[in-house]
Amino acid sequence: NTVELSLNQVPELAEVGNAVTIVDEGLPTYMIIARTGEDSYVVASGECTHRGMALGYDHEKKVFRCSSLGHSEFNLDGSPGEGFTEEPLRIYEHSIEGDLMTISF
């Protein structure tokens, strides 16, 4: 399964360091997309594997960070970083052609 996203329609992703969350009934979970570099993005599950709380993106530390009090962190490859979580974060494959991002899940 795939979902397509027109990057021109998501002004939050125009700047490196920003991120957005995508919520759609057709997705297995909500997803977070982080613009990690001029031509690089990471697409991940938007839920912490420890307690299921929402994740945000911390560009300075280059991690996804849980919104819970424990603030578990995940590296951009999905591996656990600081905090309580031991389970990796799911990272989704994606491709970009022009302004169209295609995410596979």
N, C-alpha and C. Protein backbone atom coordinates (compact mmCIF):
# COMPACT_ATOMS: atom_id res chain seq x y z
N ASN A 1 0.83 -1.19 0.00
CA ASN A 1 0.00 0.00 0.00
C ASN A 1 0.87 1.25 0.00
N THR A 2 0.35 2.29 -0.61
CA THR A 2 1.08 3.55 -0.66
C THR A 2 0.13 4.72 -0.40
N VAL A 3 0.72 5.82 -0.02
CA VAL A 3 -0.01 7.09 0.09
C VAL A 3 0.87 8.14 -0.58
N GLU A 4 0.23 9.08 -1.28
CA GLU A 4 0.97 10.13 -1.96
C GLU A 4 0.69 11.47 -1.30
N LEU A 5 1.73 12.28 -1.24
CA LEU A 5 1.64 13.59 -0.59
C LEU A 5 2.33 14.61 -1.48
N SER A 6 1.61 15.66 -1.85
CA SER A 6 2.20 16.75 -2.63
C SER A 6 2.93 17.67 -1.66
N LEU A 7 4.24 17.71 -1.74
CA LEU A 7 5.03 18.52 -0.82
C LEU A 7 4.72 20.01 -0.96
N ASN A 8 4.28 20.45 -2.13
CA ASN A 8 3.90 21.85 -2.33
C ASN A 8 2.67 22.22 -1.50
N GLN A 9 1.90 21.22 -1.10
CA GLN A 9 0.69 21.46 -0.32
C GLN A 9 0.95 21.43 1.19
N VAL A 10 2.21 21.23 1.58
CA VAL A 10 2.56 21.13 3.00
C VAL A 10 3.63 22.18 3.29
N PRO A 11 3.22 23.43 3.53
CA PRO A 11 4.20 24.51 3.71
C PRO A 11 5.12 24.29 4.92
N GLU A 12 4.68 23.52 5.89
CA GLU A 12 5.52 23.25 7.07
C GLU A 12 6.81 22.53 6.69
N LEU A 13 6.79 21.77 5.60
CA LEU A 13 7.98 21.03 5.18
C LEU A 13 8.88 21.82 4.24
N ALA A 14 8.57 23.09 4.03
CA ALA A 14 9.41 23.91 3.16
C ALA A 14 10.78 24.19 3.78
N GLU A 15 10.84 24.18 5.11
CA GLU A 15 12.10 24.46 5.81
C GLU A 15 12.71 23.21 6.42
N VAL A 16 14.01 23.06 6.26
CA VAL A 16 14.74 21.97 6.92
C VAL A 16 14.56 22.14 8.43
N GLY A 17 14.29 21.02 9.09
CA GLY A 17 14.11 21.03 10.54
C GLY A 17 12.66 20.97 10.98
N ASN A 18 11.75 21.18 10.06
CA ASN A 18 10.33 21.11 10.40
C ASN A 18 9.79 19.71 10.21
N ALA A 19 8.62 19.47 10.78
CA ALA A 19 7.97 18.16 10.67
C ALA A 19 6.46 18.35 10.68
N VAL A 20 5.74 17.37 10.12
CA VAL A 20 4.28 17.34 10.15
C VAL A 20 3.82 15.94 10.52
N THR A 21 2.61 15.88 11.02
CA THR A 21 1.98 14.60 11.31
C THR A 21 0.84 14.40 10.33
N ILE A 22 0.76 13.19 9.78
CA ILE A 22 -0.31 12.84 8.85
C ILE A 22 -1.24 11.86 9.55
N VAL A 23 -2.53 12.19 9.57
CA VAL A 23 -3.55 11.33 10.15
C VAL A 23 -4.55 11.01 9.05
N ASP A 24 -4.75 9.72 8.78
CA ASP A 24 -5.69 9.31 7.74
C ASP A 24 -6.20 7.92 8.08
N GLU A 25 -7.48 7.68 7.90
CA GLU A 25 -8.07 6.37 8.20
C GLU A 25 -7.44 5.25 7.38
N GLY A 26 -6.91 5.56 6.22
CA GLY A 26 -6.33 4.55 5.34
C GLY A 26 -4.93 4.12 5.76
N LEU A 27 -4.35 4.79 6.75
CA LEU A 27 -2.99 4.45 7.19
C LEU A 27 -3.05 3.52 8.39
N PRO A 28 -2.03 2.67 8.56
CA PRO A 28 -2.02 1.74 9.70
C PRO A 28 -1.84 2.48 11.03
N THR A 29 -1.26 3.65 11.02
CA THR A 29 -1.06 4.50 12.18
C THR A 29 -0.82 5.90 11.65
N TYR A 30 -0.90 6.89 12.51
CA TYR A 30 -0.53 8.19 11.98
C TYR A 30 0.98 8.24 11.82
N MET A 31 1.45 9.11 10.94
CA MET A 31 2.86 9.16 10.59
C MET A 31 3.40 10.56 10.83
N ILE A 32 4.69 10.64 11.11
CA ILE A 32 5.38 11.91 11.22
C ILE A 32 6.41 11.97 10.10
N ILE A 33 6.44 13.11 9.40
CA ILE A 33 7.42 13.33 8.34
C ILE A 33 8.31 14.47 8.79
N ALA A 34 9.60 14.22 8.86
CA ALA A 34 10.57 15.24 9.25
C ALA A 34 11.45 15.57 8.06
N ARG A 35 11.64 16.86 7.83
CA ARG A 35 12.60 17.27 6.80
C ARG A 35 13.95 17.42 7.49
N THR A 36 14.80 16.44 7.28
CA THR A 36 16.06 16.35 8.01
C THR A 36 17.22 17.03 7.30
N GLY A 37 17.06 17.33 6.02
CA GLY A 37 18.10 17.98 5.24
C GLY A 37 17.49 18.63 4.02
N GLU A 38 18.31 19.29 3.23
CA GLU A 38 17.80 20.00 2.05
C GLU A 38 17.03 19.05 1.13
N ASP A 39 17.55 17.85 0.93
CA ASP A 39 16.90 16.87 0.06
C ASP A 39 16.58 15.57 0.78
N SER A 40 16.44 15.62 2.10
CA SER A 40 16.19 14.38 2.84
C SER A 40 15.05 14.52 3.83
N TYR A 41 14.29 13.45 3.89
CA TYR A 41 13.14 13.36 4.78
C TYR A 41 13.18 12.00 5.47
N VAL A 42 12.58 11.92 6.65
CA VAL A 42 12.37 10.64 7.32
C VAL A 42 10.88 10.54 7.63
N VAL A 43 10.29 9.39 7.28
CA VAL A 43 8.88 9.14 7.55
C VAL A 43 8.81 8.01 8.57
N ALA A 44 8.14 8.26 9.69
CA ALA A 44 8.10 7.29 10.78
C ALA A 44 6.69 7.18 11.34
N SER A 45 6.46 6.11 12.09
CA SER A 45 5.22 6.00 12.86
C SER A 45 5.18 7.19 13.81
N GLY A 46 4.02 7.75 14.01
CA GLY A 46 3.89 8.91 14.89
C GLY A 46 3.67 8.56 16.34
N GLU A 47 3.71 7.25 16.67
CA GLU A 47 3.43 6.80 18.04
C GLU A 47 4.65 6.18 18.68
N CYS A 48 4.94 6.59 19.91
CA CYS A 48 6.04 6.01 20.68
C CYS A 48 5.75 4.54 20.94
N THR A 49 6.76 3.71 20.82
CA THR A 49 6.58 2.27 21.05
C THR A 49 6.53 1.93 22.53
N HIS A 50 6.80 2.87 23.40
CA HIS A 50 6.76 2.62 24.84
C HIS A 50 5.35 2.76 25.39
N ARG A 51 4.69 3.89 25.12
CA ARG A 51 3.37 4.14 25.70
C ARG A 51 2.35 4.60 24.66
N GLY A 52 2.75 4.63 23.39
CA GLY A 52 1.80 5.00 22.34
C GLY A 52 1.51 6.49 22.24
N MET A 53 2.29 7.31 22.90
CA MET A 53 2.08 8.75 22.87
C MET A 53 2.63 9.34 21.56
N ALA A 54 2.20 10.56 21.27
CA ALA A 54 2.62 11.24 20.04
C ALA A 54 4.10 11.60 20.07
N LEU A 55 4.70 11.58 18.89
CA LEU A 55 6.10 11.94 18.74
C LEU A 55 6.24 13.30 18.07
N GLY A 56 7.30 13.99 18.40
CA GLY A 56 7.68 15.21 17.73
C GLY A 56 9.08 15.02 17.18
N TYR A 57 9.55 15.99 16.42
CA TYR A 57 10.89 15.92 15.84
C TYR A 57 11.75 17.02 16.44
N ASP A 58 12.91 16.65 16.96
CA ASP A 58 13.88 17.59 17.51
C ASP A 58 15.05 17.66 16.53
N HIS A 59 15.08 18.72 15.72
CA HIS A 59 16.09 18.82 14.66
C HIS A 59 17.50 19.02 15.22
N GLU A 60 17.63 19.74 16.32
CA GLU A 60 18.96 19.96 16.90
C GLU A 60 19.61 18.65 17.33
N LYS A 61 18.81 17.76 17.94
CA LYS A 61 19.33 16.48 18.41
C LYS A 61 19.22 15.39 17.35
N LYS A 62 18.48 15.67 16.25
CA LYS A 62 18.24 14.70 15.19
C LYS A 62 17.58 13.43 15.73
N VAL A 63 16.47 13.62 16.49
CA VAL A 63 15.72 12.50 17.08
C VAL A 63 14.23 12.79 17.01
N PHE A 64 13.45 11.72 17.05
CA PHE A 64 12.03 11.81 17.31
C PHE A 64 11.87 11.68 18.82
N ARG A 65 11.04 12.53 19.43
CA ARG A 65 10.94 12.57 20.89
C ARG A 65 9.50 12.41 21.31
N CYS A 66 9.27 11.53 22.28
CA CYS A 66 7.94 11.24 22.80
C CYS A 66 7.43 12.42 23.63
N SER A 67 6.13 12.65 23.57
CA SER A 67 5.52 13.75 24.32
C SER A 67 5.21 13.38 25.76
N SER A 68 5.42 12.12 26.15
CA SER A 68 5.14 11.71 27.53
C SER A 68 6.19 12.26 28.49
N LEU A 69 5.96 12.11 29.76
CA LEU A 69 6.91 12.60 30.77
C LEU A 69 8.27 11.93 30.67
N GLY A 70 8.32 10.69 30.20
CA GLY A 70 9.58 9.97 30.06
C GLY A 70 10.43 10.45 28.91
N HIS A 71 9.81 11.11 27.93
CA HIS A 71 10.49 11.68 26.76
C HIS A 71 11.44 10.69 26.07
N SER A 72 10.96 9.47 25.83
CA SER A 72 11.79 8.53 25.08
C SER A 72 12.16 9.15 23.74
N GLU A 73 13.36 8.81 23.25
CA GLU A 73 13.83 9.33 21.98
C GLU A 73 14.17 8.18 21.04
N PHE A 74 14.04 8.47 19.74
CA PHE A 74 14.36 7.51 18.70
C PHE A 74 15.29 8.18 17.71
N ASN A 75 16.33 7.46 17.31
CA ASN A 75 17.23 7.94 16.28
C ASN A 75 16.51 7.93 14.94
N LEU A 76 17.05 8.61 13.96
CA LEU A 76 16.37 8.73 12.67
C LEU A 76 16.27 7.41 11.91
N ASP A 77 17.03 6.40 12.32
CA ASP A 77 16.88 5.07 11.71
C ASP A 77 15.84 4.23 12.46
N GLY A 78 15.21 4.81 13.48
CA GLY A 78 14.18 4.13 14.25
C GLY A 78 14.68 3.46 15.51
N SER A 79 15.98 3.34 15.67
CA SER A 79 16.51 2.67 16.86
C SER A 79 16.26 3.51 18.11
N PRO A 80 16.04 2.83 19.26
CA PRO A 80 15.80 3.56 20.50
C PRO A 80 17.02 4.37 20.90
N GLY A 81 16.78 5.55 21.43
CA GLY A 81 17.83 6.40 21.95
C GLY A 81 17.65 6.50 23.46
N GLU A 82 17.67 7.70 23.98
CA GLU A 82 17.49 7.91 25.41
C GLU A 82 16.04 7.64 25.81
N GLY A 83 15.84 7.26 27.06
CA GLY A 83 14.49 7.06 27.57
C GLY A 83 14.17 5.62 27.87
N PHE A 84 12.89 5.35 28.04
CA PHE A 84 12.44 4.05 28.51
C PHE A 84 12.18 3.03 27.41
N THR A 85 11.97 3.46 26.21
CA THR A 85 11.59 2.52 25.16
C THR A 85 12.73 1.58 24.80
N GLU A 86 12.34 0.35 24.49
CA GLU A 86 13.30 -0.66 24.05
C GLU A 86 12.99 -1.13 22.63
N GLU A 87 11.77 -0.85 22.18
CA GLU A 87 11.33 -1.28 20.85
C GLU A 87 11.64 -0.19 19.82
N PRO A 88 12.12 -0.58 18.64
CA PRO A 88 12.41 0.42 17.61
C PRO A 88 11.14 1.06 17.05
N LEU A 89 11.30 2.20 16.48
CA LEU A 89 10.24 2.94 15.82
C LEU A 89 10.18 2.49 14.37
N ARG A 90 8.98 2.34 13.84
CA ARG A 90 8.85 1.93 12.44
C ARG A 90 9.16 3.11 11.53
N ILE A 91 10.08 2.90 10.60
CA ILE A 91 10.44 3.89 9.59
C ILE A 91 9.86 3.40 8.26
N TYR A 92 9.19 4.29 7.55
CA TYR A 92 8.54 3.93 6.28
C TYR A 92 9.40 4.34 5.09
N GLU A 93 9.47 3.45 4.12
CA GLU A 93 10.17 3.74 2.87
C GLU A 93 9.38 4.81 2.12
N HIS A 94 10.09 5.69 1.43
CA HIS A 94 9.43 6.70 0.64
C HIS A 94 10.31 7.07 -0.55
N SER A 95 9.68 7.67 -1.54
CA SER A 95 10.41 8.18 -2.70
C SER A 95 9.82 9.54 -3.04
N ILE A 96 10.63 10.35 -3.72
CA ILE A 96 10.18 11.68 -4.12
C ILE A 96 10.46 11.86 -5.60
N GLU A 97 9.45 12.25 -6.32
CA GLU A 97 9.58 12.56 -7.74
C GLU A 97 8.92 13.92 -7.96
N GLY A 98 9.73 14.91 -8.30
CA GLY A 98 9.22 16.27 -8.39
C GLY A 98 8.81 16.74 -7.00
N ASP A 99 7.55 17.12 -6.86
CA ASP A 99 7.05 17.54 -5.54
C ASP A 99 6.18 16.46 -4.89
N LEU A 100 6.15 15.27 -5.47
CA LEU A 100 5.29 14.20 -4.98
C LEU A 100 6.07 13.18 -4.17
N MET A 101 5.69 13.03 -2.90
CA MET A 101 6.29 12.02 -2.04
C MET A 101 5.35 10.82 -2.01
N THR A 102 5.89 9.64 -2.28
CA THR A 102 5.12 8.40 -2.20
C THR A 102 5.66 7.60 -1.02
N ILE A 103 4.78 7.29 -0.07
CA ILE A 103 5.15 6.56 1.15
C ILE A 103 4.58 5.15 1.06
N SER A 104 5.44 4.16 1.28
CA SER A 104 4.99 2.75 1.26
C SER A 104 4.79 2.28 2.69
N PHE A 105 3.68 1.56 2.89
CA PHE A 105 3.41 1.00 4.22
C PHE A 105 2.84 -0.38 4.12
